[in-house]
N, C-alpha and C. Protein backbone atom coordinates (compact mmCIF):
# COMPACT_ATOMS: atom_id res chain seq x y z
N MET A 1 0.81 -1.20 0.00
CA MET A 1 0.00 0.00 0.00
C MET A 1 0.86 1.27 0.00
N LYS A 2 2.18 1.06 0.01
CA LYS A 2 3.07 2.22 -0.03
C LYS A 2 2.91 2.97 -1.35
N TRP A 3 2.69 2.23 -2.44
CA TRP A 3 2.50 2.85 -3.76
C TRP A 3 1.22 3.69 -3.78
N LEU A 4 0.21 3.28 -2.99
CA LEU A 4 -1.04 4.04 -2.94
C LEU A 4 -0.81 5.38 -2.26
N ARG A 5 -0.07 5.37 -1.18
CA ARG A 5 0.24 6.62 -0.47
C ARG A 5 1.06 7.55 -1.37
N LEU A 6 2.05 6.98 -2.08
CA LEU A 6 2.87 7.78 -2.99
C LEU A 6 2.00 8.37 -4.11
N GLY A 7 1.09 7.56 -4.64
CA GLY A 7 0.20 8.04 -5.69
C GLY A 7 -0.71 9.16 -5.22
N ILE A 8 -1.14 9.09 -3.97
CA ILE A 8 -1.97 10.16 -3.40
C ILE A 8 -1.18 11.45 -3.35
N TYR A 9 0.06 11.38 -2.87
CA TYR A 9 0.89 12.58 -2.77
C TYR A 9 1.23 13.15 -4.15
N VAL A 10 1.51 12.28 -5.10
CA VAL A 10 1.81 12.75 -6.46
C VAL A 10 0.58 13.42 -7.07
N GLY A 11 -0.58 12.81 -6.91
CA GLY A 11 -1.81 13.41 -7.43
C GLY A 11 -2.12 14.74 -6.77
N MET A 12 -1.91 14.81 -5.47
CA MET A 12 -2.16 16.06 -4.75
C MET A 12 -1.20 17.16 -5.20
N ALA A 13 0.07 16.82 -5.36
CA ALA A 13 1.06 17.81 -5.80
C ALA A 13 0.75 18.29 -7.21
N PHE A 14 0.39 17.36 -8.10
CA PHE A 14 0.05 17.74 -9.48
C PHE A 14 -1.16 18.67 -9.51
N THR A 15 -2.17 18.37 -8.70
CA THR A 15 -3.38 19.20 -8.65
C THR A 15 -3.05 20.60 -8.14
N ILE A 16 -2.25 20.68 -7.10
CA ILE A 16 -1.88 21.99 -6.54
C ILE A 16 -1.09 22.80 -7.55
N VAL A 17 -0.13 22.18 -8.22
CA VAL A 17 0.69 22.91 -9.20
C VAL A 17 -0.17 23.38 -10.37
N ALA A 18 -1.06 22.52 -10.87
CA ALA A 18 -1.89 22.88 -12.02
C ALA A 18 -2.80 24.06 -11.70
N TYR A 19 -3.49 23.99 -10.57
CA TYR A 19 -4.42 25.06 -10.24
C TYR A 19 -3.71 26.33 -9.76
N ALA A 20 -2.59 26.18 -9.07
CA ALA A 20 -1.84 27.37 -8.64
C ALA A 20 -1.30 28.12 -9.86
N GLY A 21 -0.81 27.38 -10.84
CA GLY A 21 -0.32 28.03 -12.06
C GLY A 21 -1.42 28.78 -12.79
N PHE A 22 -2.59 28.18 -12.89
CA PHE A 22 -3.70 28.86 -13.55
C PHE A 22 -4.15 30.08 -12.74
N MET A 23 -4.15 29.96 -11.43
CA MET A 23 -4.56 31.09 -10.59
C MET A 23 -3.59 32.26 -10.75
N ILE A 24 -2.30 31.99 -10.81
CA ILE A 24 -1.32 33.05 -11.00
C ILE A 24 -1.49 33.68 -12.37
N ALA A 25 -1.73 32.87 -13.40
CA ALA A 25 -1.95 33.42 -14.74
C ALA A 25 -3.19 34.31 -14.76
N GLN A 26 -4.24 33.90 -14.07
CA GLN A 26 -5.45 34.72 -14.02
C GLN A 26 -5.17 36.05 -13.33
N LEU A 27 -4.45 36.01 -12.23
CA LEU A 27 -4.16 37.25 -11.51
C LEU A 27 -3.32 38.20 -12.37
N VAL A 28 -2.36 37.65 -13.08
CA VAL A 28 -1.50 38.49 -13.91
C VAL A 28 -2.29 39.09 -15.08
N LEU A 29 -3.11 38.27 -15.72
CA LEU A 29 -3.82 38.74 -16.90
C LEU A 29 -5.04 39.60 -16.57
N LEU A 30 -5.68 39.37 -15.45
CA LEU A 30 -6.95 40.03 -15.19
C LEU A 30 -6.90 41.19 -14.21
N THR A 31 -5.76 41.43 -13.59
CA THR A 31 -5.67 42.57 -12.70
C THR A 31 -5.61 43.84 -13.53
N PRO A 32 -6.48 44.81 -13.23
CA PRO A 32 -6.47 46.06 -14.01
C PRO A 32 -5.13 46.79 -13.92
N ARG A 33 -4.71 47.34 -15.02
CA ARG A 33 -3.48 48.14 -15.06
C ARG A 33 -3.79 49.56 -14.58
N ARG A 34 -2.78 50.37 -14.46
CA ARG A 34 -2.99 51.76 -14.04
C ARG A 34 -3.92 52.46 -15.02
N GLY A 35 -4.88 53.17 -14.49
CA GLY A 35 -5.83 53.90 -15.33
C GLY A 35 -7.03 53.06 -15.76
N GLU A 36 -7.05 51.78 -15.44
CA GLU A 36 -8.19 50.91 -15.78
C GLU A 36 -9.01 50.64 -14.51
N ASN A 37 -10.27 50.34 -14.72
CA ASN A 37 -11.06 49.87 -13.60
C ASN A 37 -11.50 48.43 -13.88
N TRP A 38 -12.18 47.81 -12.93
CA TRP A 38 -12.53 46.40 -13.08
C TRP A 38 -13.50 46.18 -14.23
N PHE A 39 -14.41 47.12 -14.45
CA PHE A 39 -15.38 46.94 -15.53
C PHE A 39 -14.69 46.98 -16.90
N GLU A 40 -13.77 47.90 -17.09
CA GLU A 40 -13.04 47.97 -18.36
C GLU A 40 -12.21 46.71 -18.59
N GLN A 41 -11.74 46.13 -17.52
CA GLN A 41 -10.91 44.94 -17.63
C GLN A 41 -11.67 43.80 -18.29
N TYR A 42 -12.94 43.66 -18.00
CA TYR A 42 -13.71 42.56 -18.55
C TYR A 42 -14.05 42.76 -20.02
N GLN A 43 -13.74 43.91 -20.56
CA GLN A 43 -13.92 44.16 -21.99
C GLN A 43 -12.58 44.19 -22.72
N ASP A 44 -11.53 43.85 -22.03
CA ASP A 44 -10.18 43.90 -22.57
C ASP A 44 -9.84 42.58 -23.26
N PRO A 45 -9.01 42.60 -24.29
CA PRO A 45 -8.61 41.34 -24.95
C PRO A 45 -7.88 40.36 -24.03
N ARG A 46 -7.33 40.84 -22.93
CA ARG A 46 -6.66 39.92 -22.01
C ARG A 46 -7.65 38.91 -21.42
N GLU A 47 -8.91 39.30 -21.33
CA GLU A 47 -9.94 38.38 -20.83
C GLU A 47 -10.04 37.15 -21.73
N TYR A 48 -9.88 37.34 -23.03
CA TYR A 48 -9.94 36.22 -23.97
C TYR A 48 -8.74 35.29 -23.82
N GLU A 49 -7.60 35.83 -23.42
CA GLU A 49 -6.43 34.99 -23.17
C GLU A 49 -6.69 34.04 -22.00
N VAL A 50 -7.37 34.53 -20.98
CA VAL A 50 -7.71 33.67 -19.84
C VAL A 50 -8.70 32.59 -20.29
N ASN A 51 -9.65 32.94 -21.14
CA ASN A 51 -10.59 31.94 -21.64
C ASN A 51 -9.87 30.86 -22.44
N LYS A 52 -8.88 31.25 -23.23
CA LYS A 52 -8.10 30.26 -23.98
C LYS A 52 -7.34 29.33 -23.04
N ALA A 53 -6.85 29.88 -21.96
CA ALA A 53 -6.09 29.07 -20.99
C ALA A 53 -6.99 28.14 -20.19
N SER A 54 -8.27 28.46 -20.11
CA SER A 54 -9.16 27.62 -19.31
C SER A 54 -9.49 26.30 -20.01
N ILE A 55 -9.32 26.22 -21.32
CA ILE A 55 -9.61 24.97 -22.03
C ILE A 55 -8.59 23.88 -21.65
N PRO A 56 -7.29 24.15 -21.69
CA PRO A 56 -6.36 23.11 -21.21
C PRO A 56 -6.56 22.77 -19.74
N LEU A 57 -6.92 23.77 -18.93
CA LEU A 57 -7.16 23.50 -17.52
C LEU A 57 -8.37 22.58 -17.36
N SER A 58 -9.38 22.73 -18.20
CA SER A 58 -10.54 21.84 -18.14
C SER A 58 -10.14 20.41 -18.47
N SER A 59 -9.25 20.24 -19.42
CA SER A 59 -8.77 18.90 -19.76
C SER A 59 -7.97 18.29 -18.60
N ILE A 60 -7.14 19.10 -17.99
CA ILE A 60 -6.37 18.64 -16.84
C ILE A 60 -7.32 18.28 -15.70
N SER A 61 -8.33 19.09 -15.50
CA SER A 61 -9.31 18.84 -14.45
C SER A 61 -10.06 17.53 -14.69
N LEU A 62 -10.42 17.26 -15.93
CA LEU A 62 -11.08 15.99 -16.26
C LEU A 62 -10.16 14.81 -15.95
N GLY A 63 -8.89 14.94 -16.31
CA GLY A 63 -7.92 13.89 -16.00
C GLY A 63 -7.77 13.68 -14.50
N ILE A 64 -7.74 14.77 -13.74
CA ILE A 64 -7.64 14.66 -12.28
C ILE A 64 -8.88 13.97 -11.72
N ASP A 65 -10.07 14.33 -12.23
CA ASP A 65 -11.30 13.69 -11.77
C ASP A 65 -11.28 12.19 -12.02
N ILE A 66 -10.83 11.78 -13.18
CA ILE A 66 -10.76 10.36 -13.49
C ILE A 66 -9.73 9.67 -12.60
N TYR A 67 -8.61 10.32 -12.36
CA TYR A 67 -7.57 9.78 -11.47
C TYR A 67 -8.14 9.60 -10.06
N ILE A 68 -8.87 10.59 -9.58
CA ILE A 68 -9.46 10.51 -8.24
C ILE A 68 -10.48 9.39 -8.16
N PHE A 69 -11.12 9.08 -9.27
CA PHE A 69 -12.09 7.99 -9.29
C PHE A 69 -11.40 6.63 -9.34
N ILE A 70 -10.44 6.46 -10.21
CA ILE A 70 -9.84 5.15 -10.43
C ILE A 70 -8.86 4.76 -9.32
N PHE A 71 -8.14 5.70 -8.79
CA PHE A 71 -7.10 5.39 -7.81
C PHE A 71 -7.63 4.69 -6.56
N PRO A 72 -8.73 5.15 -5.96
CA PRO A 72 -9.24 4.43 -4.78
C PRO A 72 -9.71 3.01 -5.10
N MET A 73 -10.11 2.77 -6.34
CA MET A 73 -10.57 1.43 -6.71
C MET A 73 -9.44 0.40 -6.51
N ALA A 74 -8.23 0.78 -6.82
CA ALA A 74 -7.09 -0.13 -6.63
C ALA A 74 -6.87 -0.41 -5.15
N GLY A 75 -7.05 0.60 -4.33
CA GLY A 75 -6.91 0.40 -2.88
C GLY A 75 -8.03 -0.44 -2.31
N ILE A 76 -9.25 -0.22 -2.76
CA ILE A 76 -10.39 -1.00 -2.28
C ILE A 76 -10.24 -2.46 -2.69
N ALA A 77 -9.75 -2.70 -3.88
CA ALA A 77 -9.59 -4.07 -4.37
C ALA A 77 -8.61 -4.87 -3.50
N GLN A 78 -7.69 -4.20 -2.83
CA GLN A 78 -6.71 -4.91 -2.01
C GLN A 78 -7.14 -5.07 -0.55
N LEU A 79 -8.29 -4.51 -0.18
CA LEU A 79 -8.76 -4.64 1.20
C LEU A 79 -9.18 -6.08 1.48
N GLN A 80 -9.10 -6.46 2.73
CA GLN A 80 -9.50 -7.81 3.12
C GLN A 80 -10.98 -7.79 3.51
N LEU A 81 -11.82 -7.62 2.51
CA LEU A 81 -13.27 -7.61 2.69
C LEU A 81 -13.88 -8.63 1.75
N SER A 82 -15.13 -8.96 2.01
CA SER A 82 -15.83 -9.84 1.08
C SER A 82 -16.07 -9.08 -0.23
N ASN A 83 -16.26 -9.83 -1.29
CA ASN A 83 -16.49 -9.18 -2.59
C ASN A 83 -17.72 -8.28 -2.56
N ARG A 84 -18.74 -8.68 -1.82
CA ARG A 84 -19.95 -7.87 -1.73
C ARG A 84 -19.65 -6.51 -1.10
N LYS A 85 -18.86 -6.49 -0.03
CA LYS A 85 -18.52 -5.22 0.62
C LYS A 85 -17.60 -4.37 -0.26
N LYS A 86 -16.69 -5.02 -0.97
CA LYS A 86 -15.83 -4.29 -1.91
C LYS A 86 -16.67 -3.63 -3.00
N LEU A 87 -17.62 -4.38 -3.56
CA LEU A 87 -18.49 -3.80 -4.59
C LEU A 87 -19.32 -2.66 -4.04
N GLY A 88 -19.77 -2.78 -2.79
CA GLY A 88 -20.52 -1.70 -2.16
C GLY A 88 -19.69 -0.43 -2.03
N ALA A 89 -18.45 -0.60 -1.61
CA ALA A 89 -17.55 0.56 -1.48
C ALA A 89 -17.25 1.17 -2.84
N MET A 90 -17.06 0.31 -3.84
CA MET A 90 -16.79 0.81 -5.19
C MET A 90 -18.02 1.51 -5.77
N ALA A 91 -19.22 1.07 -5.40
CA ALA A 91 -20.44 1.70 -5.88
C ALA A 91 -20.55 3.14 -5.40
N ILE A 92 -20.03 3.41 -4.22
CA ILE A 92 -20.04 4.79 -3.71
C ILE A 92 -19.21 5.68 -4.63
N PHE A 93 -18.05 5.19 -5.04
CA PHE A 93 -17.21 5.97 -5.96
C PHE A 93 -17.83 6.03 -7.35
N LEU A 94 -18.53 4.99 -7.75
CA LEU A 94 -19.19 4.98 -9.05
C LEU A 94 -20.26 6.07 -9.11
N ALA A 95 -20.95 6.30 -8.00
CA ALA A 95 -21.94 7.37 -7.96
C ALA A 95 -21.28 8.72 -8.24
N GLY A 96 -20.09 8.93 -7.71
CA GLY A 96 -19.35 10.16 -7.99
C GLY A 96 -18.84 10.23 -9.41
N PHE A 97 -18.57 9.06 -9.98
CA PHE A 97 -18.06 9.03 -11.36
C PHE A 97 -19.10 9.53 -12.35
N TRP A 98 -20.37 9.36 -12.08
CA TRP A 98 -21.41 9.83 -12.99
C TRP A 98 -21.45 11.36 -13.04
N TYR A 99 -20.89 11.99 -12.05
CA TYR A 99 -20.82 13.45 -12.03
C TYR A 99 -19.90 13.99 -13.12
N VAL A 100 -18.80 13.29 -13.40
CA VAL A 100 -17.81 13.76 -14.36
C VAL A 100 -18.40 13.95 -15.76
N PRO A 101 -19.09 12.94 -16.36
CA PRO A 101 -19.65 13.18 -17.69
C PRO A 101 -20.73 14.25 -17.69
N PHE A 102 -21.50 14.34 -16.61
CA PHE A 102 -22.55 15.36 -16.55
C PHE A 102 -21.96 16.76 -16.62
N VAL A 103 -20.90 17.00 -15.87
CA VAL A 103 -20.26 18.31 -15.87
C VAL A 103 -19.63 18.59 -17.23
N THR A 104 -19.02 17.59 -17.84
CA THR A 104 -18.41 17.77 -19.15
C THR A 104 -19.46 18.12 -20.20
N ILE A 105 -20.57 17.39 -20.20
CA ILE A 105 -21.65 17.68 -21.14
C ILE A 105 -22.24 19.05 -20.88
N ASN A 106 -22.40 19.41 -19.63
CA ASN A 106 -22.93 20.72 -19.27
C ASN A 106 -22.01 21.83 -19.76
N TYR A 107 -20.71 21.61 -19.67
CA TYR A 107 -19.75 22.62 -20.13
C TYR A 107 -19.79 22.77 -21.65
N LEU A 108 -19.88 21.63 -22.34
CA LEU A 108 -19.85 21.66 -23.80
C LEU A 108 -21.16 22.16 -24.40
N ASN A 109 -22.29 21.82 -23.77
CA ASN A 109 -23.59 22.21 -24.31
C ASN A 109 -24.55 22.46 -23.14
N PRO A 110 -24.56 23.67 -22.59
CA PRO A 110 -25.40 23.96 -21.41
C PRO A 110 -26.88 23.82 -21.68
N SER A 111 -27.32 23.86 -22.92
CA SER A 111 -28.74 23.77 -23.20
C SER A 111 -29.30 22.37 -22.97
N LEU A 112 -28.43 21.37 -22.79
CA LEU A 112 -28.89 20.00 -22.57
C LEU A 112 -29.32 19.74 -21.13
N THR A 113 -28.94 20.60 -20.19
CA THR A 113 -29.23 20.34 -18.80
C THR A 113 -30.56 20.95 -18.41
N CYS A 114 -31.16 20.38 -17.42
CA CYS A 114 -32.45 20.89 -16.94
C CYS A 114 -32.25 22.24 -16.27
N GLY A 115 -33.22 23.09 -16.39
CA GLY A 115 -33.16 24.40 -15.76
C GLY A 115 -32.34 25.40 -16.53
N SER A 116 -31.92 25.08 -17.71
CA SER A 116 -31.12 26.00 -18.50
C SER A 116 -32.00 27.03 -19.18
N ASN A 117 -31.53 28.24 -19.23
CA ASN A 117 -32.27 29.31 -19.90
C ASN A 117 -31.83 29.49 -21.34
N ALA A 118 -30.92 28.67 -21.80
CA ALA A 118 -30.39 28.81 -23.16
C ALA A 118 -31.36 28.32 -24.19
């Protein structure tokens, strides 16, 4: 189980680095310059640069979500439990896994979700 602990730390470090880098990029690109106010900033071309950067971050986020789903399955499979209890524990993670495609579809086409005004 040492590899599981190492994998948790690697995943956590990767997540922190990915999101911290995007947060720093957002702060640099979206902070108003001298003579600008916050409203003018949202009409500036720099806003589009942040939108372009959010697409790779979304892909990284999807990969992290899948990693968070699959990684515990390997740990659960090695537990000394009956198969029925292992499947029950895995079903809890499976319920969370259904969230990932829903969010992806919602991002790609918001009009498909209930309650959308589009």
